């Protein structure tokens, strides 16, 4: 069972910027009391002892909706081995008027690392989290999870793969593949577009491999409808697997709903070729 590492911080601060009068812009800080957290120190990877740099616990972005201010950041966590500091993504839904936390979840898995998360929700409360993790063969890949507005609070689905990592990676001085991911909603159709980094190249010499960005989209059919995994409009520049990662699921996640699983089968039926069971996404 995952738990938070020994905490160093229990408060964050959000700022309201009032620009009604451009000659007298004001900044109003609001204290937010979160679950205790501390920094993660880095993430292991296959093929080398060099740790992937994942930064600290700062918040890189936030999305304001009628149902709250949604944001996420890296935090340290521990699993069955209390001496190994892992990394998890702590995601929050905050009332921007009062600073109270409406929802908060610790997303991670025992024995591995989850980091560089970004989260966005629509006006109904349908939510997507995109992040990086070494789920496939121990290399840094891009993944995402989702929740429907009808799901229990404070939980996200199991992860889906956006793009698997290809190999080990070493770059001095910080050895960073991607400090943060990006996620935004297209107001035309409500689709969620995501971008996250992954290791590119499979040379055993980690210093000759590089990193790249995977881009994909997920849509929800309505306030409580299934996520249509794999939009037909996305090109087949690269195919990104949508099958659930074969991981031991611990606290803070739940199995995808029946509607989500039906959506995956529909995506399979639409792709009868050798890439059955995969999403189409763009890689740049």
Protein backbone atom coordinates (compact mmCIF):
# COMPACT_ATOMS: atom_id res chain seq x y z
CA UNK A 1 0.00 0.00 0.00
CA UNK A 2 1.45 3.35 -1.00
CA UNK A 3 1.74 6.13 1.53
CA UNK A 4 3.29 9.55 1.58
CA UNK A 5 6.91 9.92 2.60
CA UNK A 6 7.84 11.77 5.79
CA UNK A 7 6.24 15.16 5.16
CA UNK A 8 7.99 18.50 4.97
CA UNK A 9 5.12 20.61 3.71
CA UNK A 10 1.37 20.74 4.31
CA UNK A 11 0.46 24.04 2.70
CA UNK A 12 0.53 25.51 -0.77
CA UNK A 13 -0.51 28.93 -2.00
CA UNK A 14 -2.63 30.00 -4.95
CA UNK A 15 -2.75 33.54 -6.21
CA UNK A 16 -5.76 35.39 -7.55
CA UNK A 17 -4.73 38.07 -10.02
CA UNK A 18 -7.27 40.87 -10.38
CA UNK A 19 -6.83 42.70 -13.69
CA UNK A 20 -10.10 44.64 -13.73
CA UNK A 21 -8.07 47.81 -13.39
CA UNK A 22 -4.94 47.46 -15.51
CA UNK A 23 -3.43 50.42 -13.67
CA UNK A 24 -3.82 48.70 -10.31
CA UNK A 25 -3.36 44.96 -10.74
CA UNK A 26 -3.63 43.13 -7.41
CA UNK A 27 -2.36 39.73 -6.27
CA UNK A 28 -4.33 37.98 -3.55
CA UNK A 29 -2.73 34.89 -1.96
CA UNK A 30 -4.93 32.08 -0.63
CA UNK A 31 -3.47 29.37 1.58
CA UNK A 32 -4.36 25.78 0.66
CA UNK A 33 -3.89 23.06 3.27
CA UNK A 34 -3.14 19.78 1.47
CA UNK A 35 -2.18 16.32 2.61
CA UNK A 36 1.44 16.39 3.89
CA UNK A 37 4.09 15.93 1.22
CA UNK A 38 7.81 16.00 0.51
CA UNK A 39 10.00 16.06 -2.59
CA UNK A 40 10.86 12.92 -4.50
CA UNK A 41 14.56 12.54 -5.28
CA UNK A 42 14.54 10.99 -8.75
CA UNK A 43 13.46 7.87 -10.63
CA UNK A 44 15.36 4.73 -11.53
CA UNK A 45 15.47 3.35 -15.07
CA UNK A 46 16.60 0.17 -16.76
CA UNK A 47 20.00 -0.11 -18.43
CA UNK A 48 21.90 2.25 -16.15
CA UNK A 49 22.31 3.34 -12.55
CA UNK A 50 21.79 6.97 -13.56
CA UNK A 51 18.60 8.37 -12.01
CA UNK A 52 16.10 10.33 -14.09
CA UNK A 53 15.81 13.89 -12.78
CA UNK A 54 12.18 14.71 -12.02
CA UNK A 55 12.48 18.13 -10.36
CA UNK A 56 10.82 19.10 -7.12
CA UNK A 57 7.24 19.35 -5.86
CA UNK A 58 6.29 22.66 -7.44
CA UNK A 59 3.01 23.05 -9.36
CA UNK A 60 3.66 23.78 -13.03
CA UNK A 61 0.11 24.42 -14.25
CA UNK A 62 -3.54 24.54 -13.23
CA UNK A 63 -6.97 24.47 -14.91
CA UNK A 64 -9.88 26.55 -13.62
CA UNK A 65 -13.36 25.11 -14.13
CA UNK A 66 -16.73 25.76 -12.53
CA UNK A 67 -16.11 22.67 -10.38
CA UNK A 68 -12.76 23.85 -9.03
CA UNK A 69 -9.11 24.57 -9.73
CA UNK A 70 -7.36 21.36 -10.88
CA UNK A 71 -3.62 20.90 -10.48
CA UNK A 72 -0.97 18.22 -9.83
CA UNK A 73 2.63 17.90 -8.67
CA UNK A 74 5.35 15.37 -7.82
CA UNK A 75 5.60 14.11 -4.24
CA UNK A 76 7.70 11.51 -2.48
CA UNK A 77 5.97 8.26 -1.54
CA UNK A 78 6.91 4.83 -0.19
CA UNK A 79 5.51 1.35 -0.80
CA UNK A 80 6.24 -2.05 0.68
CA UNK A 81 9.93 -1.16 1.07
CA UNK A 82 10.02 1.71 3.57
CA UNK A 83 13.66 2.45 2.72
CA UNK A 84 13.02 3.20 -0.96
CA UNK A 85 11.74 6.67 -1.79
CA UNK A 86 9.44 6.49 -4.81
CA UNK A 87 7.64 9.30 -6.63
CA UNK A 88 3.89 9.71 -7.02
CA UNK A 89 1.68 12.39 -8.54
CA UNK A 90 -0.49 14.23 -6.03
CA UNK A 91 -3.54 15.68 -7.83
CA UNK A 92 -6.00 18.16 -6.38
CA UNK A 93 -9.32 19.84 -7.05
CA UNK A 94 -9.37 23.09 -5.06
CA UNK A 95 -12.10 25.62 -4.33
CA UNK A 96 -10.35 28.82 -5.50
CA UNK A 97 -12.61 31.05 -3.42
CA UNK A 98 -11.86 29.43 -0.06
CA UNK A 99 -8.72 27.36 -0.64
CA UNK A 100 -10.46 24.21 0.60
CA UNK A 101 -9.50 20.92 -1.07
CA UNK A 102 -12.51 19.32 -2.78
CA UNK A 103 -10.66 16.22 -4.01
CA UNK A 104 -7.11 14.93 -3.61
CA UNK A 105 -5.52 11.70 -4.75
CA UNK A 106 -2.07 10.09 -4.54
CA UNK A 107 -1.46 8.39 -7.88
CA UNK A 108 1.35 5.86 -8.00
CA UNK A 109 2.29 2.19 -7.77
CA UNK A 110 4.38 0.12 -5.40
CA UNK A 111 7.95 -0.40 -6.60
CA UNK A 112 7.93 2.13 -9.44
CA UNK A 113 7.85 5.86 -10.18
CA UNK A 114 5.13 8.21 -11.45
CA UNK A 115 6.02 11.85 -12.10
CA UNK A 116 5.71 14.92 -14.37
CA UNK A 117 1.92 14.88 -14.11
CA UNK A 118 -0.60 17.35 -15.46
CA UNK A 119 -4.35 17.19 -14.90
CA UNK A 120 -7.36 18.83 -16.56
CA UNK A 121 -11.12 18.47 -16.08
CA UNK A 122 -14.14 19.58 -18.04
CA UNK A 123 -17.17 21.42 -16.63
CA UNK A 124 -18.85 18.09 -15.82
CA UNK A 125 -15.93 16.79 -13.76
CA UNK A 126 -14.59 14.30 -16.31
CA UNK A 127 -10.86 14.30 -15.71
CA UNK A 128 -7.63 13.20 -17.39
CA UNK A 129 -4.14 12.93 -15.87
CA UNK A 130 -1.07 12.57 -18.11
CA UNK A 131 2.32 11.63 -16.68
CA UNK A 132 5.65 9.86 -17.20
CA UNK A 133 6.63 6.48 -15.75
CA UNK A 134 8.99 3.53 -16.45
CA UNK A 135 6.17 1.01 -16.79
CA UNK A 136 7.42 -0.78 -19.93
CA UNK A 137 10.80 -2.53 -19.55
CA UNK A 138 11.91 0.17 -17.10
CA UNK A 139 12.26 2.97 -19.68
CA UNK A 140 10.64 6.40 -19.38
CA UNK A 141 7.31 6.39 -21.22
CA UNK A 142 4.18 8.55 -21.49
CA UNK A 143 0.91 7.39 -19.88
CA UNK A 144 -2.47 8.72 -18.81
CA UNK A 145 -5.39 7.91 -16.53
CA UNK A 146 -8.95 9.20 -16.40
CA UNK A 147 -12.03 9.50 -14.23
CA UNK A 148 -15.65 10.08 -15.12
CA UNK A 149 -17.75 12.55 -13.18
CA UNK A 150 -19.79 9.64 -11.81
CA UNK A 151 -16.74 7.87 -10.36
CA UNK A 152 -16.05 7.86 -6.61
CA UNK A 153 -14.12 10.94 -5.46
CA UNK A 154 -10.35 11.02 -5.06
CA UNK A 155 -9.58 8.12 -7.45
CA UNK A 156 -8.39 7.69 -11.02
CA UNK A 157 -8.45 4.72 -13.39
CA UNK A 158 -5.64 2.33 -14.10
CA UNK A 159 -3.07 3.78 -16.54
CA UNK A 160 -3.16 3.57 -20.31
CA UNK A 161 -0.12 3.86 -22.51
CA UNK A 162 0.36 6.91 -24.71
CA UNK A 163 3.89 5.94 -25.83
CA UNK A 164 6.27 3.34 -24.42
CA UNK A 165 9.85 4.32 -23.58
CA UNK A 166 12.41 2.94 -26.02
CA UNK A 167 15.66 2.85 -24.04
CA UNK A 168 17.82 4.25 -21.27
CA UNK A 169 18.79 7.91 -21.15
CA UNK A 170 21.75 9.84 -19.73
CA UNK A 171 22.43 13.56 -20.02
CA UNK A 172 24.44 15.68 -17.61
CA UNK A 173 24.00 17.52 -15.38
CA UNK A 174 20.37 16.78 -14.41
CA UNK A 175 19.41 13.84 -16.65
CA UNK A 176 15.89 15.14 -17.27
CA UNK A 177 13.60 13.60 -19.88
CA UNK A 178 10.69 15.97 -19.17
CA UNK A 179 10.04 17.96 -16.00
CA UNK A 180 6.35 18.29 -16.70
CA UNK A 181 3.70 17.10 -19.12
CA UNK A 182 0.95 19.17 -20.74
CA UNK A 183 -2.79 18.68 -21.03
CA UNK A 184 -5.56 20.93 -22.33
CA UNK A 185 -9.15 20.65 -23.50
CA UNK A 186 -10.34 21.58 -26.98
CA UNK A 187 -13.46 23.76 -26.49
CA UNK A 188 -14.83 22.76 -29.90
CA UNK A 189 -15.55 19.14 -29.02
CA UNK A 190 -14.44 18.62 -25.42
CA UNK A 191 -11.50 16.40 -26.32
CA UNK A 192 -8.48 16.30 -24.03
CA UNK A 193 -5.16 16.75 -25.84
CA UNK A 194 -2.07 15.58 -23.98
CA UNK A 195 1.69 15.72 -24.46
CA UNK A 196 4.36 13.92 -22.44
CA UNK A 197 8.01 12.97 -22.89
CA UNK A 198 9.46 9.52 -23.46
CA UNK A 199 12.96 8.14 -24.00
CA UNK A 200 13.76 7.70 -27.70
CA UNK A 201 16.37 5.32 -29.08
CA UNK A 202 17.35 1.83 -27.96
CA UNK A 203 21.13 1.97 -27.97
CA UNK A 204 22.78 0.25 -24.98
CA UNK A 205 24.94 3.40 -24.78
CA UNK A 206 22.44 5.55 -22.87
CA UNK A 207 24.28 8.75 -23.77
CA UNK A 208 23.46 8.33 -27.46
CA UNK A 209 19.70 8.02 -26.89
CA UNK A 210 17.45 11.06 -26.82
CA UNK A 211 13.93 12.00 -25.75
CA UNK A 212 10.84 12.99 -27.69
CA UNK A 213 7.23 14.09 -27.14
CA UNK A 214 4.15 11.91 -27.58
CA UNK A 215 0.85 13.64 -28.37
CA UNK A 216 -2.62 12.09 -28.23
CA UNK A 217 -6.27 12.84 -27.52
CA UNK A 218 -9.05 11.35 -25.39
CA UNK A 219 -12.72 12.34 -25.56
CA UNK A 220 -15.70 11.75 -23.32
CA UNK A 221 -19.10 11.19 -24.89
CA UNK A 222 -20.92 13.22 -22.23
CA UNK A 223 -21.06 13.95 -18.52
CA UNK A 224 -21.02 10.26 -17.58
CA UNK A 225 -20.39 8.58 -20.93
CA UNK A 226 -17.42 6.42 -21.78
CA UNK A 227 -14.08 7.85 -22.79
CA UNK A 228 -13.72 7.24 -26.50
CA UNK A 229 -10.18 5.93 -26.29
CA UNK A 230 -8.39 6.72 -29.50
CA UNK A 231 -9.95 9.47 -31.56
CA UNK A 232 -10.30 8.57 -35.26
CA UNK A 233 -9.11 12.05 -36.22
CA UNK A 234 -5.64 11.49 -34.76
CA UNK A 235 -3.14 10.44 -37.40
CA UNK A 236 -1.22 7.18 -37.42
CA UNK A 237 2.20 8.81 -37.28
CA UNK A 238 2.77 6.51 -34.33
CA UNK A 239 0.44 4.02 -32.71
CA UNK A 240 0.14 4.18 -28.96
CA UNK A 241 -1.13 1.24 -27.01
CA UNK A 242 -4.35 1.65 -25.05
CA UNK A 243 -4.36 -1.72 -23.31
CA UNK A 244 -4.21 -1.42 -19.55
CA UNK A 245 -0.70 -1.74 -18.12
CA UNK A 246 -0.22 -5.05 -16.38
CA UNK A 247 0.54 -3.64 -12.96
CA UNK A 248 -0.40 -4.51 -9.42
CA UNK A 249 -2.97 -1.87 -8.60
CA UNK A 250 -2.74 -0.40 -5.14
CA UNK A 251 -4.77 2.28 -3.35
CA UNK A 252 -5.94 5.41 -5.09
CA UNK A 253 -7.00 3.77 -8.37
CA UNK A 254 -9.92 1.71 -9.55
CA UNK A 255 -10.68 -0.51 -12.51
CA UNK A 256 -12.12 1.27 -15.53
CA UNK A 257 -15.88 1.25 -15.62
CA UNK A 258 -17.85 -1.12 -17.85
CA UNK A 259 -18.51 1.80 -20.20
CA UNK A 260 -14.79 2.51 -20.49
CA UNK A 261 -14.06 -1.12 -21.29
CA UNK A 262 -16.80 -1.10 -23.96
CA UNK A 263 -15.16 1.99 -25.47
CA UNK A 264 -11.87 0.11 -25.68
CA UNK A 265 -13.55 -2.78 -27.48
CA UNK A 266 -15.11 -0.32 -29.93
CA UNK A 267 -11.65 1.12 -30.59
CA UNK A 268 -10.39 -2.43 -31.21
CA UNK A 269 -13.22 -3.18 -33.63
CA UNK A 270 -12.40 -0.04 -35.61
CA UNK A 271 -8.81 -1.22 -36.06
CA UNK A 272 -8.80 -4.78 -37.44
CA UNK A 273 -5.13 -4.69 -38.43
CA UNK A 274 -1.99 -5.77 -36.56
CA UNK A 275 -2.25 -2.80 -34.19
CA UNK A 276 -5.53 -4.00 -32.71
CA UNK A 277 -5.93 -2.75 -29.17
CA UNK A 278 -3.89 0.39 -29.78
CA UNK A 279 -4.64 4.09 -29.91
CA UNK A 280 -3.62 6.31 -32.76
CA UNK A 281 -1.57 9.27 -31.62
CA UNK A 282 0.89 11.78 -32.98
CA UNK A 283 4.54 11.69 -31.95
CA UNK A 284 6.75 14.66 -32.48
